[in-house]
Amino acid sequence: MLRIPPLRTARFSLEMQESKIIDSIKLAKIPVHLNEEATTHLLKSIITKCTGIDDVNMWTVQERMFVSGHYIASIQDNNPDFEIGDG
C-alpha cells in the first residue's frame, strides 16, 4: 500500500489512501465531459480523514486541483515529475 503524506491547507487537513480498484473502475466510466463529477468521485474515494471543511463540493476549484495534484504526485513510481496543463 502506498503512503500518501497528509495535506494541510488553511481551510482543511486531509489524510488519503490509494484509490481502490472498484472506485477506479467507476471513475473510468464517468464521461470525459463530466470532469467535475469525476474529480468529486476521485476526492471522495481517496480521502480517509478530513478536518475542517469536509464537503469536497464546498472547496474552491484551486483546492480541488491542489488535492488531486498532491494525490497524483504521491502515487507516482518516480519523482513527482509531471506537467499540468498544455505546457
C-alpha atoms as a PDB file:
ATOM      1  CA  MET A   1       0.000   0.000   0.000  1.00  0.00           C
ATOM      2  CA  LEU A   2       1.217   3.479  -0.820  1.00  0.00           C
ATOM      3  CA  ARG A   3       1.938   6.082   1.802  1.00  0.00           C
ATOM      4  CA  ILE A   4       0.403   9.418   0.885  1.00  0.00           C
ATOM      5  CA  PRO A   5       1.656  12.290   3.044  1.00  0.00           C
ATOM      6  CA  PRO A   6      -1.003  14.280   4.928  1.00  0.00           C
ATOM      7  CA  LEU A   7      -2.036  17.544   3.299  1.00  0.00           C
ATOM      8  CA  ARG A   8      -2.814  20.715   5.222  1.00  0.00           C
ATOM      9  CA  THR A   9      -4.280  23.949   3.906  1.00  0.00           C
ATOM     10  CA  ALA A  10      -5.719  26.979   5.691  1.00  0.00           C
ATOM     11  CA  ARG A  11      -9.245  25.532   5.400  1.00  0.00           C
ATOM     12  CA  PHE A  12      -8.757  21.786   5.926  1.00  0.00           C
ATOM     13  CA  SER A  13      -6.352  18.942   6.691  1.00  0.00           C
ATOM     14  CA  LEU A  14      -6.530  15.604   4.894  1.00  0.00           C
ATOM     15  CA  GLU A  15      -5.349  12.041   5.098  1.00  0.00           C
ATOM     16  CA  MET A  16      -5.639  10.000   1.920  1.00  0.00           C
ATOM     17  CA  GLN A  17      -5.449   6.412   0.733  1.00  0.00           C
ATOM     18  CA  GLU A  18      -4.752   4.771  -2.588  1.00  0.00           C
ATOM     19  CA  SER A  19      -7.829   4.509  -4.813  1.00  0.00           C
ATOM     20  CA  LYS A  20      -9.489   1.103  -4.655  1.00  0.00           C
ATOM     21  CA  ILE A  21      -9.959  -0.849  -7.882  1.00  0.00           C
ATOM     22  CA  ILE A  22     -13.758  -0.587  -7.727  1.00  0.00           C
ATOM     23  CA  ASP A  23     -13.521   3.204  -7.334  1.00  0.00           C
ATOM     24  CA  SER A  24     -11.046   3.422 -10.222  1.00  0.00           C
ATOM     25  CA  ILE A  25     -13.423   1.438 -12.440  1.00  0.00           C
ATOM     26  CA  LYS A  26     -16.320   3.750 -11.522  1.00  0.00           C
ATOM     27  CA  LEU A  27     -14.099   6.771 -12.211  1.00  0.00           C
ATOM     28  CA  ALA A  28     -13.134   5.423 -15.638  1.00  0.00           C
ATOM     29  CA  LYS A  29     -16.826   5.041 -16.551  1.00  0.00           C
ATOM     30  CA  ILE A  30     -17.599   8.738 -15.925  1.00  0.00           C
ATOM     31  CA  PRO A  31     -17.773  10.534 -19.312  1.00  0.00           C
ATOM     32  CA  VAL A  32     -14.946  12.974 -20.030  1.00  0.00           C
ATOM     33  CA  HIS A  33     -17.277  15.965 -20.295  1.00  0.00           C
ATOM     34  CA  LEU A  34     -18.295  15.439 -16.638  1.00  0.00           C
ATOM     35  CA  ASN A  35     -14.815  16.270 -15.334  1.00  0.00           C
ATOM     36  CA  GLU A  36     -16.006  17.937 -12.112  1.00  0.00           C
ATOM     37  CA  GLU A  37     -18.149  14.913 -11.295  1.00  0.00           C
ATOM     38  CA  ALA A  38     -15.092  12.727 -11.894  1.00  0.00           C
ATOM     39  CA  THR A  39     -12.949  14.920  -9.650  1.00  0.00           C
ATOM     40  CA  THR A  40     -15.589  14.783  -6.911  1.00  0.00           C
ATOM     41  CA  HIS A  41     -15.750  10.981  -7.177  1.00  0.00           C
ATOM     42  CA  LEU A  42     -11.950  10.714  -7.001  1.00  0.00           C
ATOM     43  CA  LEU A  43     -11.689  13.005  -3.984  1.00  0.00           C
ATOM     44  CA  LYS A  44     -14.459  11.249  -2.079  1.00  0.00           C
ATOM     45  CA  SER A  45     -12.898   7.844  -2.748  1.00  0.00           C
ATOM     46  CA  ILE A  46      -9.346   8.707  -1.645  1.00  0.00           C
ATOM     47  CA  ILE A  47      -9.951  10.892   1.421  1.00  0.00           C
ATOM     48  CA  THR A  48      -9.986   8.888   4.644  1.00  0.00           C
ATOM     49  CA  LYS A  49      -9.970  11.731   7.176  1.00  0.00           C
ATOM     50  CA  CYS A  50     -10.735  15.418   6.805  1.00  0.00           C
ATOM     51  CA  THR A  51     -10.617  18.105   9.472  1.00  0.00           C
ATOM     52  CA  GLY A  52     -12.200  21.432   8.592  1.00  0.00           C
ATOM     53  CA  ILE A  53     -14.386  21.789   5.526  1.00  0.00           C
ATOM     54  CA  ASP A  54     -15.070  18.120   4.842  1.00  0.00           C
ATOM     55  CA  ASP A  55     -17.548  18.519   1.962  1.00  0.00           C
ATOM     56  CA  VAL A  56     -15.463  18.486  -1.240  1.00  0.00           C
ATOM     57  CA  ASN A  57     -18.325  20.265  -3.024  1.00  0.00           C
ATOM     58  CA  MET A  58     -17.622  23.320  -0.849  1.00  0.00           C
ATOM     59  CA  TRP A  59     -13.944  23.506  -1.830  1.00  0.00           C
ATOM     60  CA  THR A  60     -12.667  26.008  -4.387  1.00  0.00           C
ATOM     61  CA  VAL A  61     -11.540  24.822  -7.811  1.00  0.00           C
ATOM     62  CA  GLN A  62      -7.948  25.577  -6.779  1.00  0.00           C
ATOM     63  CA  GLU A  63      -8.281  23.445  -3.634  1.00  0.00           C
ATOM     64  CA  ARG A  64      -9.735  20.543  -5.605  1.00  0.00           C
ATOM     65  CA  MET A  65      -6.904  20.759  -8.148  1.00  0.00           C
ATOM     66  CA  PHE A  66      -4.289  21.054  -5.386  1.00  0.00           C
ATOM     67  CA  VAL A  67      -5.551  17.934  -3.583  1.00  0.00           C
ATOM     68  CA  SER A  68      -5.783  15.997  -6.878  1.00  0.00           C
ATOM     69  CA  GLY A  69      -2.243  17.056  -7.814  1.00  0.00           C
ATOM     70  CA  HIS A  70      -0.929  16.096  -4.364  1.00  0.00           C
ATOM     71  CA  TYR A  71      -2.505  12.660  -4.751  1.00  0.00           C
ATOM     72  CA  ILE A  72      -1.130  12.139  -8.269  1.00  0.00           C
ATOM     73  CA  ALA A  73       2.358  13.247  -7.207  1.00  0.00           C
ATOM     74  CA  SER A  74       2.254  10.873  -4.224  1.00  0.00           C
ATOM     75  CA  ILE A  75       1.317   7.770  -6.209  1.00  0.00           C
ATOM     76  CA  GLN A  76       3.934   8.171  -8.956  1.00  0.00           C
ATOM     77  CA  ASP A  77       6.592   5.445  -9.160  1.00  0.00           C
ATOM     78  CA  ASN A  78       9.273   8.029  -9.875  1.00  0.00           C
ATOM     79  CA  ASN A  79       9.676  11.510  -8.533  1.00  0.00           C
ATOM     80  CA  PRO A  80       6.583  13.689  -8.864  1.00  0.00           C
ATOM     81  CA  ASP A  81       7.774  14.914 -12.260  1.00  0.00           C
ATOM     82  CA  PHE A  82       4.727  15.608 -14.397  1.00  0.00           C
ATOM     83  CA  GLU A  83       3.348  18.592 -16.254  1.00  0.00           C
ATOM     84  CA  ILE A  84      -0.005  20.157 -15.507  1.00  0.00           C
ATOM     85  CA  GLY A  85      -1.756  21.867 -18.437  1.00  0.00           C
ATOM     86  CA  ASP A  86      -0.761  22.242 -22.058  1.00  0.00           C
ATOM     87  CA  GLY A  87       2.860  23.031 -21.289  1.00  0.00           C
END
